[in-house]
Amino acid sequence: MTKPYLNAKGKGEADYDYANDILFFKIKDREYSHSIELEDIVLDIDVSGIITGIQIFAASNMFQIEKEALQNNKKFIFSL
């Protein structure tokens, strides 16, 4: 059996919700199936069973950086 593989280079996006302190990474154009909730992280899974989104709650606390640094960071690179 072959494991599912996703080449998502250049197909992802990152966003930061300053008011709620949520950092979000997402692969574009994938069909959402369900989510898996962990403590401060939610993983979005597509119909092929591949992680296609990651939400990190209380991101500034998790990474121990100011919220402004997350809001102003334009250098996120999304590559799987």
C-alpha atoms as a PDB file:
ATOM      1  CA  MET A   1       0.000   0.000   0.000  1.00  0.00           C
ATOM      2  CA  THR A   2       1.357   3.415  -0.970  1.00  0.00           C
ATOM      3  CA  LYS A   3       1.174   6.195   1.599  1.00  0.00           C
ATOM      4  CA  PRO A   4      -0.658   9.314   0.418  1.00  0.00           C
ATOM      5  CA  TYR A   5       1.735  12.107  -0.485  1.00  0.00           C
ATOM      6  CA  LEU A   6       1.024  15.758  -1.124  1.00  0.00           C
ATOM      7  CA  ASN A   7       3.419  18.113  -2.865  1.00  0.00           C
ATOM      8  CA  ALA A   8       2.079  21.451  -1.650  1.00  0.00           C
ATOM      9  CA  LYS A   9       5.042  23.693  -2.430  1.00  0.00           C
ATOM     10  CA  GLY A  10       3.706  27.073  -3.517  1.00  0.00           C
ATOM     11  CA  LYS A  11       0.090  26.081  -2.825  1.00  0.00           C
ATOM     12  CA  GLY A  12      -0.107  27.128   0.806  1.00  0.00           C
ATOM     13  CA  GLU A  13      -0.973  30.247   2.649  1.00  0.00           C
ATOM     14  CA  ALA A  14      -0.476  31.540   6.166  1.00  0.00           C
ATOM     15  CA  ASP A  15      -2.582  33.995   8.107  1.00  0.00           C
ATOM     16  CA  TYR A  16      -2.626  35.404  11.612  1.00  0.00           C
ATOM     17  CA  ASP A  17      -5.714  36.499  13.532  1.00  0.00           C
ATOM     18  CA  TYR A  18      -4.315  39.186  15.832  1.00  0.00           C
ATOM     19  CA  ALA A  19      -7.463  39.659  17.938  1.00  0.00           C
ATOM     20  CA  ASN A  20      -7.729  35.949  18.779  1.00  0.00           C
ATOM     21  CA  ASP A  21      -3.984  35.135  18.588  1.00  0.00           C
ATOM     22  CA  ILE A  22      -4.486  32.294  16.091  1.00  0.00           C
ATOM     23  CA  LEU A  23      -1.834  31.362  13.519  1.00  0.00           C
ATOM     24  CA  PHE A  24      -3.227  29.461  10.546  1.00  0.00           C
ATOM     25  CA  PHE A  25      -1.519  27.533   7.762  1.00  0.00           C
ATOM     26  CA  LYS A  26      -3.575  26.085   4.911  1.00  0.00           C
ATOM     27  CA  ILE A  27      -3.058  24.276   1.633  1.00  0.00           C
ATOM     28  CA  LYS A  28      -5.250  25.758  -1.090  1.00  0.00           C
ATOM     29  CA  ASP A  29      -7.736  23.775  -3.178  1.00  0.00           C
ATOM     30  CA  ARG A  30      -8.088  20.712  -0.930  1.00  0.00           C
ATOM     31  CA  GLU A  31     -11.418  19.114  -0.012  1.00  0.00           C
ATOM     32  CA  TYR A  32     -11.900  19.333   3.752  1.00  0.00           C
ATOM     33  CA  SER A  33     -13.086  16.218   5.586  1.00  0.00           C
ATOM     34  CA  HIS A  34     -12.660  16.718   9.332  1.00  0.00           C
ATOM     35  CA  SER A  35     -10.524  18.204  12.097  1.00  0.00           C
ATOM     36  CA  ILE A  36      -8.499  16.749  14.934  1.00  0.00           C
ATOM     37  CA  GLU A  37      -8.360  18.929  18.045  1.00  0.00           C
ATOM     38  CA  LEU A  38      -5.346  18.832  20.324  1.00  0.00           C
ATOM     39  CA  GLU A  39      -4.643  21.203  23.236  1.00  0.00           C
ATOM     40  CA  ASP A  40      -3.944  24.465  21.389  1.00  0.00           C
ATOM     41  CA  ILE A  41      -3.713  23.045  17.871  1.00  0.00           C
ATOM     42  CA  VAL A  42      -6.357  21.978  15.371  1.00  0.00           C
ATOM     43  CA  LEU A  43      -5.358  19.871  12.361  1.00  0.00           C
ATOM     44  CA  ASP A  44      -7.612  19.973   9.288  1.00  0.00           C
ATOM     45  CA  ILE A  45      -7.658  16.735   7.311  1.00  0.00           C
ATOM     46  CA  ASP A  46      -8.720  16.331   3.668  1.00  0.00           C
ATOM     47  CA  VAL A  47     -10.671  13.463   2.104  1.00  0.00           C
ATOM     48  CA  SER A  48      -7.378  11.675   1.298  1.00  0.00           C
ATOM     49  CA  GLY A  49      -6.355  11.696   4.975  1.00  0.00           C
ATOM     50  CA  ILE A  50      -3.658  14.344   4.512  1.00  0.00           C
ATOM     51  CA  ILE A  51      -3.194  17.278   6.901  1.00  0.00           C
ATOM     52  CA  THR A  52      -4.151  20.355   4.909  1.00  0.00           C
ATOM     53  CA  GLY A  53      -4.485  22.973   7.611  1.00  0.00           C
ATOM     54  CA  ILE A  54      -3.035  23.809  10.997  1.00  0.00           C
ATOM     55  CA  GLN A  55      -4.513  26.292  13.438  1.00  0.00           C
ATOM     56  CA  ILE A  56      -2.365  27.272  16.412  1.00  0.00           C
ATOM     57  CA  PHE A  57      -4.260  28.954  19.256  1.00  0.00           C
ATOM     58  CA  ALA A  58      -2.443  31.288  21.660  1.00  0.00           C
ATOM     59  CA  ALA A  59       0.349  31.333  19.079  1.00  0.00           C
ATOM     60  CA  SER A  60       2.295  34.185  20.654  1.00  0.00           C
ATOM     61  CA  ASN A  61       2.485  32.248  23.927  1.00  0.00           C
ATOM     62  CA  MET A  62       3.402  28.995  22.196  1.00  0.00           C
ATOM     63  CA  PHE A  63       6.275  30.602  20.258  1.00  0.00           C
ATOM     64  CA  GLN A  64       7.093  33.107  23.022  1.00  0.00           C
ATOM     65  CA  ILE A  65       7.058  36.121  20.706  1.00  0.00           C
ATOM     66  CA  GLU A  66       5.002  39.301  20.541  1.00  0.00           C
ATOM     67  CA  LYS A  67       1.718  39.239  18.632  1.00  0.00           C
ATOM     68  CA  GLU A  68       3.010  42.083  16.450  1.00  0.00           C
ATOM     69  CA  ALA A  69       5.845  39.861  15.210  1.00  0.00           C
ATOM     70  CA  LEU A  70       3.330  37.249  14.056  1.00  0.00           C
ATOM     71  CA  GLN A  71       1.088  39.860  12.457  1.00  0.00           C
ATOM     72  CA  ASN A  72       3.899  41.531  10.541  1.00  0.00           C
ATOM     73  CA  ASN A  73       5.744  38.395   9.420  1.00  0.00           C
ATOM     74  CA  LYS A  74       5.436  38.171   5.641  1.00  0.00           C
ATOM     75  CA  LYS A  75       8.161  35.531   5.264  1.00  0.00           C
ATOM     76  CA  PHE A  76       6.210  32.392   6.066  1.00  0.00           C
ATOM     77  CA  ILE A  77       7.195  29.639   3.638  1.00  0.00           C
ATOM     78  CA  PHE A  78       4.751  26.785   3.275  1.00  0.00           C
ATOM     79  CA  SER A  79       6.414  23.645   1.990  1.00  0.00           C
ATOM     80  CA  LEU A  80       5.658  19.963   2.525  1.00  0.00           C
END
